[in-house]
Protein backbone atom coordinates (compact mmCIF):
# COMPACT_ATOMS: atom_id res chain seq x y z
CA UNK A 1 -33.70 -18.61 57.45
CA UNK A 2 -35.11 -21.90 56.45
CA UNK A 3 -38.27 -23.22 58.04
CA UNK A 4 -39.05 -26.71 59.17
CA UNK A 5 -41.87 -28.73 60.69
CA UNK A 6 -41.49 -31.23 63.58
CA UNK A 7 -43.80 -34.10 63.94
CA UNK A 8 -43.69 -36.46 66.97
CA UNK A 9 -45.54 -39.87 67.16
CA UNK A 10 -45.37 -41.39 70.63
CA UNK A 11 -46.96 -44.81 71.34
CA UNK A 12 -46.83 -47.64 73.80
CA UNK A 13 -43.77 -49.24 72.19
CA UNK A 14 -41.70 -46.52 70.47
CA UNK A 15 -41.54 -42.76 69.79
CA UNK A 16 -40.82 -41.39 66.17
CA UNK A 17 -39.46 -37.94 65.66
CA UNK A 18 -39.52 -36.36 62.13
CA UNK A 19 -38.24 -33.06 60.73
CA UNK A 20 -39.51 -32.18 57.36
CA UNK A 21 -39.92 -29.16 55.08
CA UNK A 22 -43.28 -27.39 54.51
CA UNK A 23 -43.92 -29.77 51.52
CA UNK A 24 -43.73 -32.68 54.05
CA UNK A 25 -40.44 -34.04 52.57
CA UNK A 26 -38.44 -35.78 55.13
CA UNK A 27 -35.23 -33.92 56.34
CA UNK A 28 -34.26 -35.95 59.40
CA UNK A 29 -35.83 -38.71 61.45
CA UNK A 30 -35.07 -40.48 64.80
CA UNK A 31 -36.82 -43.36 66.67
CA UNK A 32 -36.62 -43.73 70.46
CA UNK A 33 -38.33 -45.62 73.31
CA UNK A 34 -42.04 -45.68 74.23
CA UNK A 35 -43.82 -42.49 75.35
CA UNK A 36 -47.18 -43.08 77.03
CA UNK A 37 -47.04 -41.08 80.29
CA UNK A 38 -49.44 -43.38 81.94
CA UNK A 39 -46.75 -46.09 81.67
CA UNK A 40 -43.41 -44.21 82.01
CA UNK A 41 -44.62 -41.10 83.90
CA UNK A 42 -44.84 -37.46 82.71
CA UNK A 43 -41.34 -36.62 83.94
CA UNK A 44 -39.83 -39.43 81.98
CA UNK A 45 -41.89 -38.38 78.91
CA UNK A 46 -40.61 -34.78 79.14
CA UNK A 47 -36.99 -36.07 79.48
CA UNK A 48 -37.50 -38.21 76.42
CA UNK A 49 -38.74 -35.33 74.35
CA UNK A 50 -36.18 -32.90 75.49
CA UNK A 51 -33.35 -35.26 74.87
CA UNK A 52 -34.43 -36.58 71.49
CA UNK A 53 -35.50 -33.22 70.00
CA UNK A 54 -32.11 -31.78 70.99
CA UNK A 55 -30.20 -34.83 69.41
CA UNK A 56 -32.29 -34.65 66.25
CA UNK A 57 -31.67 -31.00 65.71
CA UNK A 58 -28.00 -31.44 66.32
CA UNK A 59 -27.71 -34.47 63.91
CA UNK A 60 -29.66 -32.56 61.26
CA UNK A 61 -27.59 -29.34 61.79
CA UNK A 62 -30.80 -27.41 62.27
CA UNK A 63 -31.22 -24.57 64.66
CA UNK A 64 -34.15 -24.71 67.05
CA UNK A 65 -35.23 -21.28 65.76
CA UNK A 66 -35.74 -22.84 62.30
CA UNK A 67 -38.61 -25.01 63.56
CA UNK A 68 -41.88 -23.02 62.74
CA UNK A 69 -44.38 -25.50 63.78
CA UNK A 70 -44.53 -28.65 65.89
CA UNK A 71 -47.08 -31.25 66.80
CA UNK A 72 -46.77 -34.10 69.22
CA UNK A 73 -49.40 -36.89 69.13
CA UNK A 74 -48.65 -39.15 72.06
CA UNK A 75 -50.76 -42.02 73.52
CA UNK A 76 -52.18 -41.22 76.85
CA UNK A 77 -51.79 -37.55 76.55
CA UNK A 78 -55.54 -36.87 77.08
CA UNK A 79 -55.06 -37.85 80.77
CA UNK A 80 -54.78 -35.18 83.42
CA UNK A 81 -52.70 -32.16 82.53
CA UNK A 82 -50.22 -34.15 80.41
CA UNK A 83 -51.05 -32.31 77.16
CA UNK A 84 -50.54 -28.88 78.92
CA UNK A 85 -47.12 -29.85 80.16
CA UNK A 86 -45.99 -31.21 76.75
CA UNK A 87 -47.26 -28.05 75.09
CA UNK A 88 -45.33 -25.91 77.51
CA UNK A 89 -42.18 -28.03 76.91
CA UNK A 90 -42.42 -27.71 73.20
CA UNK A 91 -42.88 -23.96 73.48
CA UNK A 92 -39.81 -23.78 75.63
CA UNK A 93 -37.66 -25.96 73.38
CA UNK A 94 -38.82 -24.34 70.14
CA UNK A 95 -39.32 -20.62 70.79
CA UNK A 96 -40.28 -19.67 67.30
CA UNK A 97 -42.70 -22.56 66.62
CA UNK A 98 -46.46 -22.88 66.92
CA UNK A 99 -46.95 -25.98 68.92
CA UNK A 100 -49.76 -28.40 69.96
CA UNK A 101 -49.87 -31.76 71.69
CA UNK A 102 -52.76 -34.35 71.77
CA UNK A 103 -53.40 -38.00 71.41
CA UNK A 104 -51.36 -40.11 68.87
CA UNK A 105 -54.58 -41.05 67.06
CA UNK A 106 -54.55 -37.66 65.42
CA UNK A 107 -51.26 -38.72 63.73
CA UNK A 108 -52.88 -41.63 61.89
CA UNK A 109 -55.85 -39.47 61.12
CA UNK A 110 -53.80 -36.79 59.41
CA UNK A 111 -51.32 -39.26 57.98
CA UNK A 112 -54.21 -40.81 55.96
CA UNK A 113 -56.29 -37.70 55.43
CA UNK A 114 -54.05 -34.60 55.46
CA UNK A 115 -56.45 -32.77 53.19
CA UNK A 116 -59.76 -34.59 53.43
CA UNK A 117 -62.25 -35.91 56.00
CA UNK A 118 -62.00 -39.46 57.33
CA UNK A 119 -61.79 -41.87 60.25
CA UNK A 120 -58.77 -43.45 61.78
CA UNK A 121 -58.77 -46.59 64.02
CA UNK A 122 -55.67 -47.62 65.98
CA UNK A 123 -55.51 -51.21 67.22
CA UNK A 124 -52.12 -51.91 68.78
CA UNK A 125 -51.27 -52.25 72.48
CA UNK A 126 -54.32 -49.99 72.99
CA UNK A 127 -57.15 -48.94 70.72
CA UNK A 128 -58.94 -45.68 69.79
CA UNK A 129 -61.00 -44.02 67.00
CA UNK A 130 -60.79 -40.46 65.61
CA UNK A 131 -62.98 -38.53 63.18
CA UNK A 132 -61.78 -35.72 61.06
CA UNK A 133 -64.52 -33.36 59.63
CA UNK A 134 -63.02 -30.21 58.32
CA UNK A 135 -61.08 -28.59 61.12
CA UNK A 136 -63.07 -30.54 63.78
CA UNK A 137 -61.79 -33.75 65.44
CA UNK A 138 -64.07 -36.23 67.34
CA UNK A 139 -63.07 -39.16 69.51
CA UNK A 140 -64.79 -42.44 70.00
CA UNK A 141 -63.48 -44.96 72.56
CA UNK A 142 -60.02 -45.58 73.96
CA UNK A 143 -60.76 -44.21 77.50
CA UNK A 144 -57.89 -46.04 79.31
CA UNK A 145 -58.98 -48.68 81.95
CA UNK A 146 -62.68 -47.85 81.32
CA UNK A 147 -62.45 -48.85 77.69
CA UNK A 148 -59.88 -51.61 77.22
CA UNK A 149 -61.25 -53.95 74.43
CA UNK A 150 -60.24 -54.27 70.86
CA UNK A 151 -56.41 -54.26 71.34
CA UNK A 152 -53.38 -56.34 71.82
CA UNK A 153 -53.45 -55.96 75.60
CA UNK A 154 -57.05 -57.27 75.87
CA UNK A 155 -56.35 -60.11 73.45
CA UNK A 156 -53.32 -61.17 75.39
CA UNK A 157 -55.04 -60.80 78.72
CA UNK A 158 -58.12 -62.80 77.49
CA UNK A 159 -55.79 -65.61 76.31
CA UNK A 160 -54.03 -65.78 79.68
CA UNK A 161 -57.46 -65.60 81.46
CA UNK A 162 -58.65 -68.63 79.38
CA UNK A 163 -55.46 -70.48 80.14
CA UNK A 164 -56.10 -69.98 83.93
CA UNK A 165 -59.72 -71.18 83.47
CA UNK A 166 -58.42 -74.34 81.83
CA UNK A 167 -55.83 -74.79 84.73
CA UNK A 168 -58.65 -75.13 87.27
CA UNK A 169 -61.03 -77.04 85.03
CA UNK A 170 -63.44 -74.45 84.03
CA UNK A 171 -62.50 -74.67 80.34
CA UNK A 172 -61.03 -77.30 78.15
CA UNK A 173 -57.34 -77.21 77.20
CA UNK A 174 -56.31 -76.95 73.51
CA UNK A 175 -53.89 -75.46 71.09
CA UNK A 176 -54.09 -72.00 72.80
CA UNK A 177 -53.23 -73.28 76.24
CA UNK A 178 -50.43 -75.46 74.79
CA UNK A 179 -48.76 -72.43 72.94
CA UNK A 180 -49.24 -70.15 75.97
CA UNK A 181 -47.66 -72.66 78.24
CA UNK A 182 -44.73 -72.95 75.76
CA UNK A 183 -44.31 -69.20 75.71
CA UNK A 184 -44.74 -68.83 79.55
CA UNK A 185 -42.50 -71.76 80.42
CA UNK A 186 -44.30 -72.48 83.50
CA UNK A 187 -47.59 -73.73 85.15
CA UNK A 188 -50.18 -70.94 84.75
CA UNK A 189 -51.32 -70.91 88.43
CA UNK A 190 -47.79 -71.09 89.63
CA UNK A 191 -46.83 -68.11 87.46
CA UNK A 192 -49.73 -66.07 88.55
CA UNK A 193 -47.76 -63.73 90.68
CA UNK A 194 -45.47 -62.88 87.87
CA UNK A 195 -48.40 -62.41 85.48
CA UNK A 196 -50.04 -60.06 87.90
CA UNK A 197 -46.90 -57.84 87.86
CA UNK A 198 -46.58 -57.66 84.14
CA UNK A 199 -46.88 -54.37 82.20
CA UNK A 200 -49.48 -53.74 79.54
CA UNK A 201 -46.83 -54.20 76.88
CA UNK A 202 -45.80 -57.52 78.37
CA UNK A 203 -49.34 -58.73 78.54
CA UNK A 204 -49.93 -57.47 75.00
CA UNK A 205 -47.04 -59.64 73.79
CA UNK A 206 -49.19 -62.71 74.35
CA UNK A 207 -51.63 -61.56 71.68
CA UNK A 208 -49.18 -62.95 69.09
CA UNK A 209 -49.62 -66.42 70.62
CA UNK A 210 -53.42 -66.04 70.63
CA UNK A 211 -53.13 -65.40 66.75
CA UNK A 212 -50.81 -68.29 66.29
CA UNK A 213 -53.40 -70.53 67.98
CA UNK A 214 -56.16 -69.06 65.86
CA UNK A 215 -54.21 -69.84 62.67
CA UNK A 216 -54.06 -73.51 63.82
CA UNK A 217 -57.86 -73.54 64.20
CA UNK A 218 -58.18 -73.09 67.96
CA UNK A 219 -61.79 -72.14 68.70
CA UNK A 220 -61.11 -70.22 71.98
CA UNK A 221 -58.47 -68.07 70.21
CA UNK A 222 -60.79 -67.27 67.35
CA UNK A 223 -63.57 -66.36 69.83
CA UNK A 224 -61.24 -63.94 71.62
CA UNK A 225 -60.19 -62.19 68.46
CA UNK A 226 -63.62 -61.98 67.12
CA UNK A 227 -64.96 -60.45 70.34
CA UNK A 228 -62.29 -57.74 70.16
CA UNK A 229 -63.05 -56.99 66.56
CA UNK A 230 -66.69 -56.54 67.41
CA UNK A 231 -65.47 -53.70 69.67
CA UNK A 232 -63.64 -52.12 66.81
CA UNK A 233 -66.61 -52.50 64.54
CA UNK A 234 -68.78 -50.73 67.16
CA UNK A 235 -66.34 -47.75 66.96
CA UNK A 236 -66.55 -47.71 63.13
CA UNK A 237 -70.37 -48.07 63.18
CA UNK A 238 -70.63 -45.11 65.53
CA UNK A 239 -68.28 -43.03 63.28
CA UNK A 240 -70.71 -43.63 60.43
CA UNK A 241 -73.15 -41.31 62.11
CA UNK A 242 -70.87 -38.45 61.28
CA UNK A 243 -71.12 -39.06 57.41
CA UNK A 244 -74.05 -38.94 54.93
CA UNK A 245 -72.61 -41.39 52.49
CA UNK A 246 -69.44 -43.45 52.07
CA UNK A 247 -66.45 -42.68 54.28
CA UNK A 248 -62.85 -43.90 54.51
CA UNK A 249 -61.45 -45.59 57.58
CA UNK A 250 -57.68 -45.78 57.93
CA UNK A 251 -56.55 -48.82 59.89
CA UNK A 252 -53.39 -48.66 61.92
CA UNK A 253 -51.65 -50.91 64.53
CA UNK A 254 -50.23 -54.40 64.45
CA UNK A 255 -53.53 -56.13 65.36
CA UNK A 256 -55.37 -54.82 62.28
CA UNK A 257 -52.46 -55.91 60.06
CA UNK A 258 -53.33 -59.52 60.80
CA UNK A 259 -55.58 -61.16 58.15
CA UNK A 260 -57.52 -63.01 60.84
CA UNK A 261 -58.62 -59.95 62.69
CA UNK A 262 -59.14 -58.07 59.53
CA UNK A 263 -61.22 -60.85 58.22
CA UNK A 264 -63.54 -60.76 61.34
CA UNK A 265 -63.84 -57.05 60.97
CA UNK A 266 -64.68 -57.01 57.28
CA UNK A 267 -66.95 -59.94 57.18
CA UNK A 268 -68.24 -60.83 60.65
CA UNK A 269 -68.72 -57.70 62.70
CA UNK A 270 -69.52 -54.64 60.54
CA UNK A 271 -72.99 -53.29 60.53
CA UNK A 272 -72.51 -50.29 58.18
CA UNK A 273 -71.81 -50.96 54.59
CA UNK A 274 -70.63 -47.36 53.93
CA UNK A 275 -67.17 -47.72 55.49
CA UNK A 276 -64.30 -48.07 53.17
CA UNK A 277 -61.38 -49.73 55.09
CA UNK A 278 -57.93 -48.55 53.90
CA UNK A 279 -54.37 -48.73 54.83
CA UNK A 280 -52.41 -45.46 55.06
CA UNK A 281 -49.16 -45.46 53.10
CA UNK A 282 -47.69 -42.89 55.47
CA UNK A 283 -46.16 -43.58 58.88
CA UNK A 284 -48.08 -41.88 61.64
CA UNK A 285 -45.23 -39.49 62.31
CA UNK A 286 -45.90 -37.92 58.84
CA UNK A 287 -49.40 -37.34 60.01
CA UNK A 288 -47.97 -35.50 62.97
CA UNK A 289 -45.97 -33.33 60.58
CA UNK A 290 -49.15 -32.77 58.55
CA UNK A 291 -50.99 -31.66 61.65
CA UNK A 292 -48.17 -29.40 62.48
CA UNK A 293 -48.55 -27.80 58.96
CA UNK A 294 -52.21 -26.89 59.91
CA UNK A 295 -50.99 -24.83 62.82
CA UNK A 296 -49.27 -22.24 60.54
């Protein structure tokens, strides 16, 4: 009987499922909707995993008994007993597999450093930092509502907050408020009820407008981005304490792909000069599969 690995990368916007062989060669892959249980609920997450694993196995003509190991890295899985429930579900669906489930930051970490030590920083809708030292994993930041800086949600939220300050005269209007007004299509105060009901993803969508304003030279927009990159720099500077010399930091997420935020991070915020910032060539779901390989 052939043996396969299953990796799952679940984030705030999509979930990536990958079946590969023990050499981490792709066999089958499927992308579905968002997975964070804090947003969609744990019952909806379990249904998402159950349905998509079943469909992927069917489409690949692979029996569930041929999956020997599976790892699910899902945003928000450190909350409550979510990880235990996902672990139990994977064990039920894949009876011959060794399984584990934790935060999606592990995926980026193992995707970039499957066989060496390093640091991963995710900066998308949310943000987090993970450190890999041998078989040990350490976490810095990303503690939900208690640690919300350095991500698309906070950049979008700060942009809207600034627009509301401009609306009542506490701040001066400029390019940022003009672009936000164009995107919103309404007066900021009049739209407040709708803004308060927006999801984290919807608020994070305004981050793109903040970056557009920054590209046009808006001072307020640049200040917002710089402030959030200082938070990311704090995570990396703390991670430096785990290493004696130089160490690699894999950057992931849409925010860190933007040259403006990357510029602030590299040249304006960093304290340590030992961090080597890199981009991983592998999608996070391949990191999930690499983590699954370590379970064997």
